[in-house]
């Protein structure tokens, strides 16, 4: 039991080194989700207001706003993918390093 809790503590300590990057991932995920969830309301405005009133200016401006939201969402997705790959590879490297150091401390009998 003590060995498992020690291992979990080491894993969380490894995560603490990357906490600022994990917070950044969460922020960009929130931006991405917000942009994705606003698109249906833009579509509803086009259909309910723009098409009913034949307001081409509203349709055009709403369409441009939708494209801007999609662009922001794409950029946030790219940033999340990049940062999360960096965090995961760094976490794996640190974990391998800790494991290697622990194995080096074993006696000949334990090996």
PDB file of N, CA and C in Angstrom:
ATOM      1  N   UNK A   1       0.817  -1.188   0.000  1.00  0.00           N
ATOM      2  CA  UNK A   1       0.000   0.000   0.000  1.00  0.00           C
ATOM      3  C   UNK A   1       0.867   1.261   0.000  1.00  0.00           C
ATOM      4  N   UNK A   2       1.927   1.269   0.783  1.00  0.00           N
ATOM      5  CA  UNK A   2       2.782   2.446   0.877  1.00  0.00           C
ATOM      6  C   UNK A   2       3.516   2.685  -0.434  1.00  0.00           C
ATOM      7  N   UNK A   3       3.872   1.591  -1.125  1.00  0.00           N
ATOM      8  CA  UNK A   3       4.584   1.731  -2.392  1.00  0.00           C
ATOM      9  C   UNK A   3       3.704   2.432  -3.426  1.00  0.00           C
ATOM     10  N   UNK A   4       2.412   2.081  -3.473  1.00  0.00           N
ATOM     11  CA  UNK A   4       1.486   2.679  -4.428  1.00  0.00           C
ATOM     12  C   UNK A   4       1.264   4.154  -4.169  1.00  0.00           C
ATOM     13  N   UNK A   5       1.129   4.522  -2.897  1.00  0.00           N
ATOM     14  CA  UNK A   5       0.910   5.934  -2.578  1.00  0.00           C
ATOM     15  C   UNK A   5       2.164   6.757  -2.860  1.00  0.00           C
ATOM     16  N   UNK A   6       3.332   6.159  -2.653  1.00  0.00           N
ATOM     17  CA  UNK A   6       4.577   6.859  -2.967  1.00  0.00           C
ATOM     18  C   UNK A   6       4.692   7.086  -4.466  1.00  0.00           C
ATOM     19  N   UNK A   7       4.292   6.089  -5.230  1.00  0.00           N
ATOM     20  CA  UNK A   7       4.344   6.205  -6.679  1.00  0.00           C
ATOM     21  C   UNK A   7       3.382   7.292  -7.174  1.00  0.00           C
ATOM     22  N   UNK A   8       2.181   7.317  -6.594  1.00  0.00           N
ATOM     23  CA  UNK A   8       1.208   8.337  -6.982  1.00  0.00           C
ATOM     24  C   UNK A   8       1.708   9.729  -6.616  1.00  0.00           C
ATOM     25  N   UNK A   9       2.359   9.851  -5.478  1.00  0.00           N
ATOM     26  CA  UNK A   9       2.914  11.138  -5.066  1.00  0.00           C
ATOM     27  C   UNK A   9       3.963  11.599  -6.075  1.00  0.00           C
ATOM     28  N   UNK A  10       4.804  10.669  -6.529  1.00  0.00           N
ATOM     29  CA  UNK A  10       5.815  11.013  -7.524  1.00  0.00           C
ATOM     30  C   UNK A  10       5.173  11.444  -8.844  1.00  0.00           C
ATOM     31  N   UNK A  11       4.101  10.760  -9.218  1.00  0.00           N
ATOM     32  CA  UNK A  11       3.413  11.118 -10.461  1.00  0.00           C
ATOM     33  C   UNK A  11       2.812  12.513 -10.353  1.00  0.00           C
ATOM     34  N   UNK A  12       2.182  12.822  -9.215  1.00  0.00           N
ATOM     35  CA  UNK A  12       1.597  14.152  -9.042  1.00  0.00           C
ATOM     36  C   UNK A  12       2.675  15.226  -8.965  1.00  0.00           C
ATOM     37  N   UNK A  13       3.834  14.906  -8.389  1.00  0.00           N
ATOM     38  CA  UNK A  13       4.940  15.866  -8.366  1.00  0.00           C
ATOM     39  C   UNK A  13       5.424  16.148  -9.783  1.00  0.00           C
ATOM     40  N   UNK A  14       5.411  15.122 -10.613  1.00  0.00           N
ATOM     41  CA  UNK A  14       5.792  15.312 -12.005  1.00  0.00           C
ATOM     42  C   UNK A  14       4.778  16.203 -12.713  1.00  0.00           C
ATOM     43  N   UNK A  15       3.490  16.035 -12.393  1.00  0.00           N
ATOM     44  CA  UNK A  15       2.458  16.887 -12.969  1.00  0.00           C
ATOM     45  C   UNK A  15       2.588  18.330 -12.493  1.00  0.00           C
ATOM     46  N   UNK A  16       3.034  18.531 -11.244  1.00  0.00           N
ATOM     47  CA  UNK A  16       3.162  19.880 -10.703  1.00  0.00           C
ATOM     48  C   UNK A  16       4.151  20.709 -11.517  1.00  0.00           C
ATOM     49  N   UNK A  17       5.167  20.060 -12.067  1.00  0.00           N
ATOM     50  CA  UNK A  17       6.139  20.776 -12.886  1.00  0.00           C
ATOM     51  C   UNK A  17       5.484  21.351 -14.136  1.00  0.00           C
ATOM     52  N   UNK A  18       4.421  20.709 -14.596  1.00  0.00           N
ATOM     53  CA  UNK A  18       3.747  21.122 -15.827  1.00  0.00           C
ATOM     54  C   UNK A  18       2.423  21.834 -15.562  1.00  0.00           C
ATOM     55  N   UNK A  19       2.157  22.227 -14.320  1.00  0.00           N
ATOM     56  CA  UNK A  19       0.840  22.764 -13.965  1.00  0.00           C
ATOM     57  C   UNK A  19       0.489  24.023 -14.755  1.00  0.00           C
ATOM     58  N   UNK A  20       1.444  24.898 -15.011  1.00  0.00           N
ATOM     59  CA  UNK A  20       1.142  26.112 -15.772  1.00  0.00           C
ATOM     60  C   UNK A  20       0.738  25.782 -17.207  1.00  0.00           C
ATOM     61  N   UNK A  21       1.346  24.755 -17.780  1.00  0.00           N
ATOM     62  CA  UNK A  21       0.979  24.348 -19.136  1.00  0.00           C
ATOM     63  C   UNK A  21      -0.398  23.677 -19.152  1.00  0.00           C
ATOM     64  N   UNK A  22      -0.709  22.920 -18.113  1.00  0.00           N
ATOM     65  CA  UNK A  22      -2.017  22.266 -18.028  1.00  0.00           C
ATOM     66  C   UNK A  22      -3.115  23.318 -17.891  1.00  0.00           C
ATOM     67  N   UNK A  23      -2.856  24.362 -17.125  1.00  0.00           N
ATOM     68  CA  UNK A  23      -3.822  25.459 -16.995  1.00  0.00           C
ATOM     69  C   UNK A  23      -4.018  26.143 -18.345  1.00  0.00           C
ATOM     70  N   UNK A  24      -2.940  26.318 -19.085  1.00  0.00           N
ATOM     71  CA  UNK A  24      -3.026  26.911 -20.419  1.00  0.00           C
ATOM     72  C   UNK A  24      -3.857  26.040 -21.360  1.00  0.00           C
ATOM     73  N   UNK A  25      -3.698  24.734 -21.262  1.00  0.00           N
ATOM     74  CA  UNK A  25      -4.497  23.808 -22.071  1.00  0.00           C
ATOM     75  C   UNK A  25      -5.978  23.975 -21.752  1.00  0.00           C
ATOM     76  N   UNK A  26      -6.305  24.051 -20.467  1.00  0.00           N
ATOM     77  CA  UNK A  26      -7.704  24.199 -20.060  1.00  0.00           C
ATOM     78  C   UNK A  26      -8.276  25.515 -20.588  1.00  0.00           C
ATOM     79  N   UNK A  27      -7.500  26.589 -20.523  1.00  0.00           N
ATOM     80  CA  UNK A  27      -7.977  27.889 -21.013  1.00  0.00           C
ATOM     81  C   UNK A  27      -8.280  27.819 -22.505  1.00  0.00           C
ATOM     82  N   UNK A  28      -7.363  27.240 -23.282  1.00  0.00           N
ATOM     83  CA  UNK A  28      -7.595  27.151 -24.722  1.00  0.00           C
ATOM     84  C   UNK A  28      -8.723  26.182 -25.062  1.00  0.00           C
ATOM     85  N   UNK A  29      -8.905  25.153 -24.255  1.00  0.00           N
ATOM     86  CA  UNK A  29     -10.050  24.264 -24.461  1.00  0.00           C
ATOM     87  C   UNK A  29     -11.365  24.994 -24.227  1.00  0.00           C
ATOM     88  N   UNK A  30     -11.406  25.834 -23.217  1.00  0.00           N
ATOM     89  CA  UNK A  30     -12.613  26.623 -22.942  1.00  0.00           C
ATOM     90  C   UNK A  30     -12.900  27.569 -24.113  1.00  0.00           C
ATOM     91  N   UNK A  31     -11.859  28.202 -24.638  1.00  0.00           N
ATOM     92  CA  UNK A  31     -12.030  29.081 -25.800  1.00  0.00           C
ATOM     93  C   UNK A  31     -12.567  28.292 -26.989  1.00  0.00           C
ATOM     94  N   UNK A  32     -11.996  27.128 -27.227  1.00  0.00           N
ATOM     95  CA  UNK A  32     -12.428  26.290 -28.345  1.00  0.00           C
ATOM     96  C   UNK A  32     -13.891  25.875 -28.205  1.00  0.00           C
ATOM     97  N   UNK A  33     -14.266  25.422 -27.031  1.00  0.00           N
ATOM     98  CA  UNK A  33     -15.635  24.972 -26.800  1.00  0.00           C
ATOM     99  C   UNK A  33     -16.610  26.143 -26.920  1.00  0.00           C
ATOM    100  N   UNK A  34     -16.247  27.300 -26.379  1.00  0.00           N
ATOM    101  CA  UNK A  34     -17.114  28.471 -26.491  1.00  0.00           C
ATOM    102  C   UNK A  34     -17.371  28.823 -27.957  1.00  0.00           C
ATOM    103  N   UNK A  35     -16.294  28.850 -28.740  1.00  0.00           N
ATOM    104  CA  UNK A  35     -16.450  29.183 -30.158  1.00  0.00           C
ATOM    105  C   UNK A  35     -17.320  28.154 -30.874  1.00  0.00           C
ATOM    106  N   UNK A  36     -17.133  26.884 -30.559  1.00  0.00           N
ATOM    107  CA  UNK A  36     -17.931  25.841 -31.203  1.00  0.00           C
ATOM    108  C   UNK A  36     -19.395  25.912 -30.791  1.00  0.00           C
ATOM    109  N   UNK A  37     -19.657  26.272 -29.556  1.00  0.00           N
ATOM    110  CA  UNK A  37     -21.037  26.299 -29.080  1.00  0.00           C
ATOM    111  C   UNK A  37     -21.798  27.561 -29.480  1.00  0.00           C
ATOM    112  N   UNK A  38     -21.106  28.599 -29.929  1.00  0.00           N
ATOM    113  CA  UNK A  38     -21.810  29.797 -30.381  1.00  0.00           C
ATOM    114  C   UNK A  38     -22.280  29.682 -31.826  1.00  0.00           C
ATOM    115  N   UNK A  39     -21.716  28.763 -32.579  1.00  0.00           N
ATOM    116  CA  UNK A  39     -22.077  28.639 -33.997  1.00  0.00           C
ATOM    117  C   UNK A  39     -23.568  28.352 -34.228  1.00  0.00           C
ATOM    118  N   UNK A  40     -24.200  27.467 -33.461  1.00  0.00           N
ATOM    119  CA  UNK A  40     -25.633  27.246 -33.697  1.00  0.00           C
ATOM    120  C   UNK A  40     -26.488  28.495 -33.482  1.00  0.00           C
ATOM    121  N   UNK A  41     -26.121  29.362 -32.541  1.00  0.00           N
ATOM    122  CA  UNK A  41     -26.906  30.582 -32.335  1.00  0.00           C
ATOM    123  C   UNK A  41     -26.750  31.536 -33.527  1.00  0.00           C
ATOM    124  N   UNK A  42     -25.554  31.566 -34.118  1.00  0.00           N
ATOM    125  CA  UNK A  42     -25.365  32.365 -35.329  1.00  0.00           C
ATOM    126  C   UNK A  42     -26.240  31.820 -36.465  1.00  0.00           C
ATOM    127  N   UNK A  43     -26.256  30.509 -36.595  1.00  0.00           N
ATOM    128  CA  UNK A  43     -27.086  29.883 -37.630  1.00  0.00           C
ATOM    129  C   UNK A  43     -28.563  30.198 -37.397  1.00  0.00           C
ATOM    130  N   UNK A  44     -28.980  30.138 -36.142  1.00  0.00           N
ATOM    131  CA  UNK A  44     -30.370  30.448 -35.814  1.00  0.00           C
ATOM    132  C   UNK A  44     -30.698  31.887 -36.163  1.00  0.00           C
ATOM    133  N   UNK A  45     -29.780  32.810 -35.911  1.00  0.00           N
ATOM    134  CA  UNK A  45     -30.008  34.212 -36.266  1.00  0.00           C
ATOM    135  C   UNK A  45     -30.125  34.399 -37.774  1.00  0.00           C
ATOM    136  N   UNK A  46     -29.313  33.685 -38.520  1.00  0.00           N
ATOM    137  CA  UNK A  46     -29.394  33.777 -39.977  1.00  0.00           C
ATOM    138  C   UNK A  46     -30.764  33.307 -40.451  1.00  0.00           C
ATOM    139  N   UNK A  47     -31.196  32.170 -39.926  1.00  0.00           N
ATOM    140  CA  UNK A  47     -32.465  31.599 -40.374  1.00  0.00           C
ATOM    141  C   UNK A  47     -33.648  32.410 -39.851  1.00  0.00           C
ATOM    142  N   UNK A  48     -33.674  32.694 -38.557  1.00  0.00           N
ATOM    143  CA  UNK A  48     -34.841  33.338 -37.942  1.00  0.00           C
ATOM    144  C   UNK A  48     -34.978  34.823 -38.268  1.00  0.00           C
ATOM    145  N   UNK A  49     -33.865  35.515 -38.379  1.00  0.00           N
ATOM    146  CA  UNK A  49     -33.943  36.962 -38.598  1.00  0.00           C
ATOM    147  C   UNK A  49     -33.577  37.322 -40.039  1.00  0.00           C
ATOM    148  N   UNK A  50     -32.404  36.836 -40.473  1.00  0.00           N
ATOM    149  CA  UNK A  50     -31.895  37.235 -41.787  1.00  0.00           C
ATOM    150  C   UNK A  50     -32.745  36.761 -42.943  1.00  0.00           C
ATOM    151  N   UNK A  51     -33.100  35.498 -42.957  1.00  0.00           N
ATOM    152  CA  UNK A  51     -33.874  34.947 -44.077  1.00  0.00           C
ATOM    153  C   UNK A  51     -35.323  35.413 -44.009  1.00  0.00           C
ATOM    154  N   UNK A  52     -35.894  35.444 -42.815  1.00  0.00           N
ATOM    155  CA  UNK A  52     -37.294  35.893 -42.688  1.00  0.00           C
ATOM    156  C   UNK A  52     -37.469  37.335 -43.135  1.00  0.00           C
ATOM    157  N   UNK A  53     -36.529  38.193 -42.786  1.00  0.00           N
ATOM    158  CA  UNK A  53     -36.626  39.613 -43.128  1.00  0.00           C
ATOM    159  C   UNK A  53     -35.875  39.964 -44.408  1.00  0.00           C
ATOM    160  N   UNK A  54     -35.320  38.949 -45.067  1.00  0.00           N
ATOM    161  CA  UNK A  54     -34.468  39.141 -46.258  1.00  0.00           C
ATOM    162  C   UNK A  54     -33.437  40.248 -46.038  1.00  0.00           C
ATOM    163  N   UNK A  55     -32.764  40.158 -44.909  1.00  0.00           N
ATOM    164  CA  UNK A  55     -31.734  41.130 -44.535  1.00  0.00           C
ATOM    165  C   UNK A  55     -30.371  40.549 -44.906  1.00  0.00           C
ATOM    166  N   UNK A  56     -29.900  40.890 -46.102  1.00  0.00           N
ATOM    167  CA  UNK A  56     -28.641  40.324 -46.591  1.00  0.00           C
ATOM    168  C   UNK A  56     -27.433  40.852 -45.824  1.00  0.00           C
ATOM    169  N   UNK A  57     -27.530  42.066 -45.313  1.00  0.00           N
ATOM    170  CA  UNK A  57     -26.427  42.604 -44.502  1.00  0.00           C
ATOM    171  C   UNK A  57     -26.257  41.794 -43.222  1.00  0.00           C
ATOM    172  N   UNK A  58     -27.363  41.432 -42.576  1.00  0.00           N
ATOM    173  CA  UNK A  58     -27.300  40.607 -41.365  1.00  0.00           C
ATOM    174  C   UNK A  58     -26.747  39.222 -41.680  1.00  0.00           C
ATOM    175  N   UNK A  59     -27.191  38.662 -42.798  1.00  0.00           N
ATOM    176  CA  UNK A  59     -26.701  37.336 -43.189  1.00  0.00           C
ATOM    177  C   UNK A  59     -25.200  37.381 -43.432  1.00  0.00           C
ATOM    178  N   UNK A  60     -24.747  38.407 -44.143  1.00  0.00           N
ATOM    179  CA  UNK A  60     -23.314  38.535 -44.445  1.00  0.00           C
ATOM    180  C   UNK A  60     -22.490  38.763 -43.176  1.00  0.00           C
ATOM    181  N   UNK A  61     -22.939  39.690 -42.334  1.00  0.00           N
ATOM    182  CA  UNK A  61     -22.159  39.985 -41.120  1.00  0.00           C
ATOM    183  C   UNK A  61     -22.154  38.796 -40.161  1.00  0.00           C
ATOM    184  N   UNK A  62     -23.270  38.093 -40.070  1.00  0.00           N
ATOM    185  CA  UNK A  62     -23.313  36.908 -39.210  1.00  0.00           C
ATOM    186  C   UNK A  62     -22.426  35.808 -39.774  1.00  0.00           C
ATOM    187  N   UNK A  63     -22.427  35.659 -41.085  1.00  0.00           N
ATOM    188  CA  UNK A  63     -21.543  34.669 -41.717  1.00  0.00           C
ATOM    189  C   UNK A  63     -20.074  34.975 -41.479  1.00  0.00           C
ATOM    190  N   UNK A  64     -19.723  36.259 -41.544  1.00  0.00           N
ATOM    191  CA  UNK A  64     -18.340  36.665 -41.262  1.00  0.00           C
ATOM    192  C   UNK A  64     -17.993  36.382 -39.804  1.00  0.00           C
ATOM    193  N   UNK A  65     -18.930  36.694 -38.905  1.00  0.00           N
ATOM    194  CA  UNK A  65     -18.700  36.391 -37.485  1.00  0.00           C
ATOM    195  C   UNK A  65     -18.525  34.893 -37.267  1.00  0.00           C
ATOM    196  N   UNK A  66     -19.291  34.089 -37.982  1.00  0.00           N
ATOM    197  CA  UNK A  66     -19.153  32.634 -37.866  1.00  0.00           C
ATOM    198  C   UNK A  66     -17.774  32.184 -38.335  1.00  0.00           C
ATOM    199  N   UNK A  67     -17.299  32.748 -39.434  1.00  0.00           N
ATOM    200  CA  UNK A  67     -15.973  32.373 -39.939  1.00  0.00           C
ATOM    201  C   UNK A  67     -14.872  32.785 -38.962  1.00  0.00           C
ATOM    202  N   UNK A  68     -15.047  33.929 -38.315  1.00  0.00           N
ATOM    203  CA  UNK A  68     -14.070  34.367 -37.313  1.00  0.00           C
ATOM    204  C   UNK A  68     -14.059  33.401 -36.135  1.00  0.00           C
ATOM    205  N   UNK A  69     -15.253  32.990 -35.692  1.00  0.00           N
ATOM    206  CA  UNK A  69     -15.336  32.030 -34.579  1.00  0.00           C
ATOM    207  C   UNK A  69     -14.695  30.697 -34.959  1.00  0.00           C
ATOM    208  N   UNK A  70     -14.909  30.250 -36.176  1.00  0.00           N
ATOM    209  CA  UNK A  70     -14.305  28.996 -36.634  1.00  0.00           C
ATOM    210  C   UNK A  70     -12.780  29.138 -36.676  1.00  0.00           C
ATOM    211  N   UNK A  71     -12.291  30.282 -37.147  1.00  0.00           N
ATOM    212  CA  UNK A  71     -10.839  30.501 -37.191  1.00  0.00           C
ATOM    213  C   UNK A  71     -10.241  30.493 -35.790  1.00  0.00           C
ATOM    214  N   UNK A  72     -10.919  31.152 -34.844  1.00  0.00           N
ATOM    215  CA  UNK A  72     -10.435  31.156 -33.459  1.00  0.00           C
ATOM    216  C   UNK A  72     -10.454  29.734 -32.894  1.00  0.00           C
ATOM    217  N   UNK A  73     -11.513  28.996 -33.197  1.00  0.00           N
ATOM    218  CA  UNK A  73     -11.612  27.615 -32.719  1.00  0.00           C
ATOM    219  C   UNK A  73     -10.501  26.743 -33.293  1.00  0.00           C
ATOM    220  N   UNK A  74     -10.208  26.919 -34.569  1.00  0.00           N
ATOM    221  CA  UNK A  74      -9.128  26.138 -35.205  1.00  0.00           C
ATOM    222  C   UNK A  74      -7.788  26.470 -34.559  1.00  0.00           C
ATOM    223  N   UNK A  75      -7.537  27.757 -34.327  1.00  0.00           N
ATOM    224  CA  UNK A  75      -6.268  28.155 -33.704  1.00  0.00           C
ATOM    225  C   UNK A  75      -6.170  27.601 -32.277  1.00  0.00           C
ATOM    226  N   UNK A  76      -7.262  27.653 -31.549  1.00  0.00           N
ATOM    227  CA  UNK A  76      -7.250  27.113 -30.183  1.00  0.00           C
ATOM    228  C   UNK A  76      -7.009  25.611 -30.202  1.00  0.00           C
ATOM    229  N   UNK A  77      -7.599  24.917 -31.177  1.00  0.00           N
ATOM    230  CA  UNK A  77      -7.389  23.473 -31.302  1.00  0.00           C
ATOM    231  C   UNK A  77      -5.927  23.154 -31.593  1.00  0.00           C
ATOM    232  N   UNK A  78      -5.323  23.922 -32.472  1.00  0.00           N
ATOM    233  CA  UNK A  78      -3.908  23.712 -32.800  1.00  0.00           C
ATOM    234  C   UNK A  78      -3.034  23.952 -31.574  1.00  0.00           C
ATOM    235  N   UNK A  79      -3.314  25.023 -30.841  1.00  0.00           N
ATOM    236  CA  UNK A  79      -2.528  25.339 -29.637  1.00  0.00           C
ATOM    237  C   UNK A  79      -2.694  24.240 -28.588  1.00  0.00           C
ATOM    238  N   UNK A  80      -3.933  23.776 -28.387  1.00  0.00           N
ATOM    239  CA  UNK A  80      -4.182  22.702 -27.411  1.00  0.00           C
ATOM    240  C   UNK A  80      -3.426  21.444 -27.819  1.00  0.00           C
ATOM    241  N   UNK A  81      -3.474  21.090 -29.083  1.00  0.00           N
ATOM    242  CA  UNK A  81      -2.775  19.886 -29.546  1.00  0.00           C
ATOM    243  C   UNK A  81      -1.271  20.005 -29.340  1.00  0.00           C
ATOM    244  N   UNK A  82      -0.724  21.160 -29.674  1.00  0.00           N
ATOM    245  CA  UNK A  82       0.716  21.363 -29.536  1.00  0.00           C
ATOM    246  C   UNK A  82       1.147  21.309 -28.075  1.00  0.00           C
ATOM    247  N   UNK A  83       0.456  22.069 -27.221  1.00  0.00           N
ATOM    248  CA  UNK A  83       0.845  22.122 -25.813  1.00  0.00           C
ATOM    249  C   UNK A  83       0.641  20.769 -25.140  1.00  0.00           C
ATOM    250  N   UNK A  84      -0.468  20.093 -25.442  1.00  0.00           N
ATOM    251  CA  UNK A  84      -0.709  18.797 -24.792  1.00  0.00           C
ATOM    252  C   UNK A  84       0.310  17.760 -25.234  1.00  0.00           C
ATOM    253  N   UNK A  85       0.763  17.816 -26.487  1.00  0.00           N
ATOM    254  CA  UNK A  85       1.806  16.871 -26.903  1.00  0.00           C
ATOM    255  C   UNK A  85       3.123  17.172 -26.199  1.00  0.00           C
ATOM    256  N   UNK A  86       3.423  18.460 -26.008  1.00  0.00           N
ATOM    257  CA  UNK A  86       4.634  18.832 -25.268  1.00  0.00           C
ATOM    258  C   UNK A  86       4.554  18.362 -23.816  1.00  0.00           C
ATOM    259  N   UNK A  87       3.401  18.564 -23.183  1.00  0.00           N
ATOM    260  CA  UNK A  87       3.228  18.173 -21.779  1.00  0.00           C
ATOM    261  C   UNK A  87       3.324  16.666 -21.637  1.00  0.00           C
ATOM    262  N   UNK A  88       2.674  15.930 -22.528  1.00  0.00           N
ATOM    263  CA  UNK A  88       2.685  14.470 -22.404  1.00  0.00           C
ATOM    264  C   UNK A  88       4.078  13.898 -22.661  1.00  0.00           C
ATOM    265  N   UNK A  89       4.791  14.438 -23.643  1.00  0.00           N
ATOM    266  CA  UNK A  89       6.136  13.923 -23.893  1.00  0.00           C
ATOM    267  C   UNK A  89       7.086  14.293 -22.756  1.00  0.00           C
ATOM    268  N   UNK A  90       6.926  15.479 -22.204  1.00  0.00           N
ATOM    269  CA  UNK A  90       7.746  15.887 -21.066  1.00  0.00           C
ATOM    270  C   UNK A  90       7.441  15.029 -19.839  1.00  0.00           C
ATOM    271  N   UNK A  91       6.150  14.736 -19.622  1.00  0.00           N
ATOM    272  CA  UNK A  91       5.750  13.889 -18.503  1.00  0.00           C
ATOM    273  C   UNK A  91       6.336  12.489 -18.666  1.00  0.00           C
ATOM    274  N   UNK A  92       6.268  11.934 -19.862  1.00  0.00           N
ATOM    275  CA  UNK A  92       6.825  10.597 -20.112  1.00  0.00           C
ATOM    276  C   UNK A  92       8.341  10.594 -19.904  1.00  0.00           C
ATOM    277  N   UNK A  93       9.016  11.646 -20.357  1.00  0.00           N
ATOM    278  CA  UNK A  93      10.466  11.740 -20.170  1.00  0.00           C
ATOM    279  C   UNK A  93      10.820  11.778 -18.685  1.00  0.00           C
ATOM    280  N   UNK A  94      10.101  12.611 -17.924  1.00  0.00           N
ATOM    281  CA  UNK A  94      10.379  12.724 -16.493  1.00  0.00           C
ATOM    282  C   UNK A  94      10.096  11.412 -15.768  1.00  0.00           C
ATOM    283  N   UNK A  95       9.035  10.744 -16.163  1.00  0.00           N
ATOM    284  CA  UNK A  95       8.688   9.461 -15.545  1.00  0.00           C
ATOM    285  C   UNK A  95       9.753   8.399 -15.846  1.00  0.00           C
ATOM    286  N   UNK A  96      10.222   8.361 -17.093  1.00  0.00           N
ATOM    287  CA  UNK A  96      11.296   7.415 -17.448  1.00  0.00           C
ATOM    288  C   UNK A  96      12.567   7.728 -16.679  1.00  0.00           C
ATOM    289  N   UNK A  97      12.851   9.013 -16.525  1.00  0.00           N
ATOM    290  CA  UNK A  97      14.039   9.431 -15.781  1.00  0.00           C
ATOM    291  C   UNK A  97      13.974   8.971 -14.325  1.00  0.00           C
ATOM    292  N   UNK A  98      12.813   9.172 -13.695  1.00  0.00           N
ATOM    293  CA  UNK A  98      12.633   8.733 -12.306  1.00  0.00           C
ATOM    294  C   UNK A  98      12.755   7.222 -12.187  1.00  0.00           C
ATOM    295  N   UNK A  99      12.174   6.508 -13.122  1.00  0.00           N
ATOM    296  CA  UNK A  99      12.249   5.047 -13.106  1.00  0.00           C
ATOM    297  C   UNK A  99      13.686   4.584 -13.280  1.00  0.00           C
ATOM    298  N   UNK A 100      14.418   5.206 -14.196  1.00  0.00           N
ATOM    299  CA  UNK A 100      15.814   4.853 -14.434  1.00  0.00           C
ATOM    300  C   UNK A 100      16.647   5.101 -13.182  1.00  0.00           C
ATOM    301  N   UNK A 101      16.445   6.248 -12.543  1.00  0.00           N
ATOM    302  CA  UNK A 101      17.188   6.554 -11.309  1.00  0.00           C
ATOM    303  C   UNK A 101      16.863   5.551 -10.208  1.00  0.00           C
ATOM    304  N   UNK A 102      15.597   5.156 -10.105  1.00  0.00           N
ATOM    305  CA  UNK A 102      15.200   4.195  -9.081  1.00  0.00           C
ATOM    306  C   UNK A 102      15.847   2.832  -9.348  1.00  0.00           C
ATOM    307  N   UNK A 103      15.882   2.421 -10.600  1.00  0.00           N
ATOM    308  CA  UNK A 103      16.490   1.133 -10.948  1.00  0.00           C
ATOM    309  C   UNK A 103      17.985   1.152 -10.686  1.00  0.00           C
ATOM    310  N   UNK A 104      18.621   2.289 -10.927  1.00  0.00           N
ATOM    311  CA  UNK A 104      20.059   2.384 -10.659  1.00  0.00           C
ATOM    312  C   UNK A 104      20.392   2.227  -9.180  1.00  0.00           C
ATOM    313  N   UNK A 105      19.446   2.546  -8.309  1.00  0.00           N
ATOM    314  CA  UNK A 105      19.675   2.430  -6.873  1.00  0.00           C
ATOM    315  C   UNK A 105      19.435   1.027  -6.337  1.00  0.00           C
ATOM    316  N   UNK A 106      18.963   0.105  -7.182  1.00  0.00           N
ATOM    317  CA  UNK A 106      18.771  -1.270  -6.732  1.00  0.00           C
ATOM    318  C   UNK A 106      20.122  -1.941  -6.481  1.00  0.00           C
ATOM    319  N   UNK A 107      20.132  -2.866  -5.542  1.00  0.00           N
ATOM    320  CA  UNK A 107      21.356  -3.631  -5.300  1.00  0.00           C
ATOM    321  C   UNK A 107      21.466  -4.746  -6.350  1.00  0.00           C
ATOM    322  N   UNK A 108      22.614  -5.387  -6.388  1.00  0.00           N
ATOM    323  CA  UNK A 108      22.809  -6.484  -7.349  1.00  0.00           C
ATOM    324  C   UNK A 108      21.842  -7.616  -7.092  1.00  0.00           C
ATOM    325  N   UNK A 109      21.538  -7.865  -5.827  1.00  0.00           N
ATOM    326  CA  UNK A 109      20.605  -8.926  -5.464  1.00  0.00           C
ATOM    327  C   UNK A 109      19.201  -8.617  -5.986  1.00  0.00           C
ATOM    328  N   UNK A 110      18.768  -7.359  -5.877  1.00  0.00           N
ATOM    329  CA  UNK A 110      17.427  -6.984  -6.346  1.00  0.00           C
ATOM    330  C   UNK A 110      17.319  -7.070  -7.866  1.00  0.00           C
ATOM    331  N   UNK A 111      18.420  -6.773  -8.558  1.00  0.00           N
ATOM    332  CA  UNK A 111      18.381  -6.855 -10.017  1.00  0.00           C
ATOM    333  C   UNK A 111      18.300  -8.306 -10.452  1.00  0.00           C
TER     334      UNK A 111
END
